[in-house]
Amino acid sequence: MNASLASLAATATTDTTTNTFSDIIKNSVIDNFVSDISISKILITLGVAFLIGYFIYLLYKRVFSGVFIPKALTSRSWA
């Protein structure tokens, strides 16, 4: 048991490869990158994004249709 701990400690001290934070991030991104992107996936994603954006536009238009600034406030001089 002690011999294996000693050998682990020895290899840990002689191991000179150190990973910086940017190396870890680069490896993580490269490992998780999907390379089989097709035109159909891109078009479906753009279509869904457009529909969500259009829904937000309609919701905003509906909710803020009655909000206005009174004309008396816009003609007042603050200087």
N, C-alpha and C. Protein backbone atom coordinates (compact mmCIF):
# COMPACT_ATOMS: atom_id res chain seq x y z
N MET A 1 0.83 -1.20 0.00
CA MET A 1 0.00 0.00 0.00
C MET A 1 0.86 1.25 0.00
N ASN A 2 1.87 1.28 0.84
CA ASN A 2 2.74 2.45 0.91
C ASN A 2 3.55 2.63 -0.36
N ALA A 3 3.90 1.53 -1.01
CA ALA A 3 4.67 1.62 -2.25
C ALA A 3 3.84 2.25 -3.35
N SER A 4 2.56 1.90 -3.41
CA SER A 4 1.72 2.49 -4.45
C SER A 4 1.48 3.97 -4.19
N LEU A 5 1.32 4.37 -2.94
CA LEU A 5 1.17 5.79 -2.62
C LEU A 5 2.43 6.55 -2.96
N ALA A 6 3.57 5.95 -2.68
CA ALA A 6 4.84 6.60 -2.97
C ALA A 6 5.03 6.76 -4.48
N SER A 7 4.63 5.72 -5.25
CA SER A 7 4.78 5.83 -6.70
C SER A 7 3.82 6.87 -7.28
N LEU A 8 2.62 6.97 -6.72
CA LEU A 8 1.68 8.00 -7.16
C LEU A 8 2.21 9.39 -6.86
N ALA A 9 2.79 9.56 -5.68
CA ALA A 9 3.35 10.85 -5.31
C ALA A 9 4.52 11.21 -6.21
N ALA A 10 5.33 10.21 -6.56
CA ALA A 10 6.48 10.46 -7.41
C ALA A 10 6.04 10.85 -8.82
N THR A 11 5.04 10.17 -9.35
CA THR A 11 4.57 10.52 -10.69
C THR A 11 3.88 11.87 -10.69
N ALA A 12 3.23 12.22 -9.60
CA ALA A 12 2.56 13.52 -9.52
C ALA A 12 3.57 14.66 -9.50
N THR A 13 4.71 14.44 -8.86
CA THR A 13 5.71 15.50 -8.79
C THR A 13 6.51 15.60 -10.08
N THR A 14 6.67 14.48 -10.81
CA THR A 14 7.45 14.53 -12.04
C THR A 14 6.60 14.88 -13.25
N ASP A 15 5.29 14.90 -13.10
CA ASP A 15 4.40 15.25 -14.20
C ASP A 15 4.48 16.75 -14.43
N THR A 16 5.02 17.14 -15.59
CA THR A 16 5.24 18.57 -15.85
C THR A 16 4.17 19.17 -16.74
N THR A 17 3.23 18.37 -17.20
CA THR A 17 2.17 18.93 -18.04
C THR A 17 1.12 19.58 -17.16
N THR A 18 0.91 20.85 -17.40
CA THR A 18 -0.11 21.58 -16.64
C THR A 18 -1.12 22.13 -17.63
N ASN A 19 -2.35 21.99 -17.28
CA ASN A 19 -3.43 22.53 -18.10
C ASN A 19 -3.85 23.88 -17.55
N THR A 20 -3.80 24.86 -18.40
CA THR A 20 -4.30 26.16 -17.98
C THR A 20 -5.81 26.18 -18.16
N PHE A 21 -6.43 27.21 -17.66
CA PHE A 21 -7.88 27.33 -17.75
C PHE A 21 -8.32 27.40 -19.21
N SER A 22 -7.57 28.13 -20.04
CA SER A 22 -7.93 28.24 -21.45
C SER A 22 -7.78 26.90 -22.17
N ASP A 23 -6.79 26.08 -21.78
CA ASP A 23 -6.65 24.75 -22.38
C ASP A 23 -7.85 23.87 -22.05
N ILE A 24 -8.33 23.95 -20.83
CA ILE A 24 -9.48 23.16 -20.42
C ILE A 24 -10.72 23.59 -21.20
N ILE A 25 -10.91 24.91 -21.36
CA ILE A 25 -12.06 25.42 -22.10
C ILE A 25 -11.96 25.00 -23.56
N LYS A 26 -10.79 25.13 -24.17
CA LYS A 26 -10.62 24.74 -25.57
C LYS A 26 -10.95 23.27 -25.77
N ASN A 27 -10.44 22.42 -24.88
CA ASN A 27 -10.71 20.99 -25.01
C ASN A 27 -12.19 20.69 -24.83
N SER A 28 -12.84 21.38 -23.92
CA SER A 28 -14.26 21.17 -23.68
C SER A 28 -15.08 21.58 -24.89
N VAL A 29 -14.74 22.70 -25.49
CA VAL A 29 -15.48 23.18 -26.66
C VAL A 29 -15.26 22.24 -27.84
N ILE A 30 -14.04 21.82 -28.06
CA ILE A 30 -13.73 20.94 -29.18
C ILE A 30 -14.43 19.59 -29.01
N ASP A 31 -14.46 19.07 -27.79
CA ASP A 31 -15.11 17.78 -27.54
C ASP A 31 -16.61 17.84 -27.74
N ASN A 32 -17.22 18.97 -27.43
CA ASN A 32 -18.68 19.08 -27.50
C ASN A 32 -19.18 19.70 -28.80
N PHE A 33 -18.29 20.03 -29.72
CA PHE A 33 -18.71 20.66 -30.97
C PHE A 33 -19.33 19.62 -31.89
N VAL A 34 -20.48 19.98 -32.43
CA VAL A 34 -21.17 19.08 -33.34
C VAL A 34 -20.79 19.46 -34.75
N SER A 35 -20.24 18.52 -35.49
CA SER A 35 -19.78 18.85 -36.83
C SER A 35 -20.76 18.41 -37.92
N ASP A 36 -21.84 17.75 -37.53
CA ASP A 36 -22.81 17.31 -38.55
C ASP A 36 -24.00 18.27 -38.62
N ILE A 37 -23.71 19.51 -38.95
CA ILE A 37 -24.74 20.53 -39.10
C ILE A 37 -25.21 20.52 -40.55
N SER A 38 -26.51 20.39 -40.73
CA SER A 38 -27.03 20.35 -42.08
C SER A 38 -27.83 21.63 -42.37
N ILE A 39 -28.10 21.87 -43.63
CA ILE A 39 -28.87 23.04 -44.04
C ILE A 39 -30.28 22.99 -43.47
N SER A 40 -30.85 21.80 -43.40
CA SER A 40 -32.21 21.69 -42.86
C SER A 40 -32.26 22.08 -41.39
N LYS A 41 -31.25 21.70 -40.60
CA LYS A 41 -31.21 22.09 -39.19
C LYS A 41 -31.08 23.60 -39.04
N ILE A 42 -30.27 24.20 -39.91
CA ILE A 42 -30.09 25.66 -39.86
C ILE A 42 -31.40 26.37 -40.21
N LEU A 43 -32.08 25.91 -41.25
CA LEU A 43 -33.34 26.54 -41.65
C LEU A 43 -34.43 26.35 -40.61
N ILE A 44 -34.50 25.18 -40.00
CA ILE A 44 -35.49 24.95 -38.94
C ILE A 44 -35.21 25.86 -37.75
N THR A 45 -33.94 25.99 -37.38
CA THR A 45 -33.58 26.85 -36.25
C THR A 45 -33.90 28.31 -36.55
N LEU A 46 -33.60 28.76 -37.76
CA LEU A 46 -33.94 30.14 -38.14
C LEU A 46 -35.45 30.35 -38.16
N GLY A 47 -36.20 29.37 -38.63
CA GLY A 47 -37.66 29.49 -38.65
C GLY A 47 -38.25 29.58 -37.25
N VAL A 48 -37.76 28.75 -36.35
CA VAL A 48 -38.24 28.78 -34.96
C VAL A 48 -37.87 30.11 -34.32
N ALA A 49 -36.65 30.60 -34.56
CA ALA A 49 -36.24 31.89 -34.00
C ALA A 49 -37.11 33.03 -34.54
N PHE A 50 -37.45 32.97 -35.83
CA PHE A 50 -38.32 33.99 -36.41
C PHE A 50 -39.70 33.95 -35.77
N LEU A 51 -40.26 32.75 -35.58
CA LEU A 51 -41.59 32.64 -34.97
C LEU A 51 -41.59 33.15 -33.53
N ILE A 52 -40.56 32.85 -32.78
CA ILE A 52 -40.48 33.35 -31.41
C ILE A 52 -40.36 34.86 -31.40
N GLY A 53 -39.53 35.41 -32.29
CA GLY A 53 -39.39 36.87 -32.39
C GLY A 53 -40.67 37.55 -32.80
N TYR A 54 -41.39 36.94 -33.74
CA TYR A 54 -42.66 37.50 -34.19
C TYR A 54 -43.70 37.47 -33.07
N PHE A 55 -43.71 36.40 -32.29
CA PHE A 55 -44.61 36.32 -31.14
C PHE A 55 -44.29 37.41 -30.12
N ILE A 56 -43.02 37.63 -29.85
CA ILE A 56 -42.64 38.69 -28.91
C ILE A 56 -43.05 40.05 -29.46
N TYR A 57 -42.88 40.27 -30.76
CA TYR A 57 -43.29 41.53 -31.38
C TYR A 57 -44.79 41.75 -31.22
N LEU A 58 -45.60 40.73 -31.52
CA LEU A 58 -47.05 40.87 -31.39
C LEU A 58 -47.46 41.09 -29.93
N LEU A 59 -46.80 40.40 -29.02
CA LEU A 59 -47.10 40.58 -27.60
C LEU A 59 -46.76 42.00 -27.16
N TYR A 60 -45.60 42.50 -27.57
CA TYR A 60 -45.21 43.86 -27.23
C TYR A 60 -46.18 44.87 -27.82
N LYS A 61 -46.56 44.67 -29.07
CA LYS A 61 -47.49 45.58 -29.74
C LYS A 61 -48.83 45.61 -29.02
N ARG A 62 -49.29 44.47 -28.57
CA ARG A 62 -50.59 44.37 -27.89
C ARG A 62 -50.54 44.99 -26.49
N VAL A 63 -49.48 44.72 -25.75
CA VAL A 63 -49.39 45.19 -24.37
C VAL A 63 -49.16 46.69 -24.31
N PHE A 64 -48.32 47.23 -25.18
CA PHE A 64 -47.96 48.64 -25.11
C PHE A 64 -48.73 49.51 -26.10
N SER A 65 -49.86 49.04 -26.58
CA SER A 65 -50.61 49.84 -27.54
C SER A 65 -51.28 51.04 -26.89
N GLY A 66 -51.61 50.96 -25.61
CA GLY A 66 -52.30 52.05 -24.95
C GLY A 66 -51.39 52.96 -24.16
N VAL A 67 -50.11 52.68 -24.15
CA VAL A 67 -49.19 53.51 -23.38
C VAL A 67 -48.80 54.72 -24.22
N PHE A 68 -48.96 55.89 -23.64
CA PHE A 68 -48.62 57.11 -24.37
C PHE A 68 -48.14 58.16 -23.40
N ILE A 69 -47.49 59.19 -23.94
CA ILE A 69 -47.03 60.32 -23.14
C ILE A 69 -47.97 61.49 -23.44
N PRO A 70 -48.54 62.08 -22.41
CA PRO A 70 -49.45 63.19 -22.64
C PRO A 70 -48.76 64.34 -23.38
N LYS A 71 -49.51 65.01 -24.25
CA LYS A 71 -48.96 66.08 -25.07
C LYS A 71 -48.47 67.25 -24.20
N ALA A 72 -49.10 67.45 -23.04
CA ALA A 72 -48.67 68.53 -22.15
C ALA A 72 -47.23 68.32 -21.66
N LEU A 73 -46.83 67.09 -21.49
CA LEU A 73 -45.46 66.83 -21.05
C LEU A 73 -44.44 67.01 -22.16
N THR A 74 -44.83 66.75 -23.38
CA THR A 74 -43.88 66.88 -24.48
C THR A 74 -43.68 68.32 -24.90
N SER A 75 -44.64 69.18 -24.65
CA SER A 75 -44.50 70.59 -25.06
C SER A 75 -43.89 71.43 -23.96
N ARG A 76 -43.73 70.90 -22.78
CA ARG A 76 -43.20 71.67 -21.65
C ARG A 76 -41.68 71.84 -21.79
N SER A 77 -41.21 73.02 -21.52
CA SER A 77 -39.78 73.30 -21.58
C SER A 77 -39.20 73.12 -20.19
N TRP A 78 -38.18 72.30 -20.09
CA TRP A 78 -37.56 72.02 -18.79
C TRP A 78 -36.35 72.90 -18.53
N ALA A 79 -35.98 73.70 -19.48
CA ALA A 79 -34.78 74.53 -19.32
C ALA A 79 -35.03 75.80 -18.58
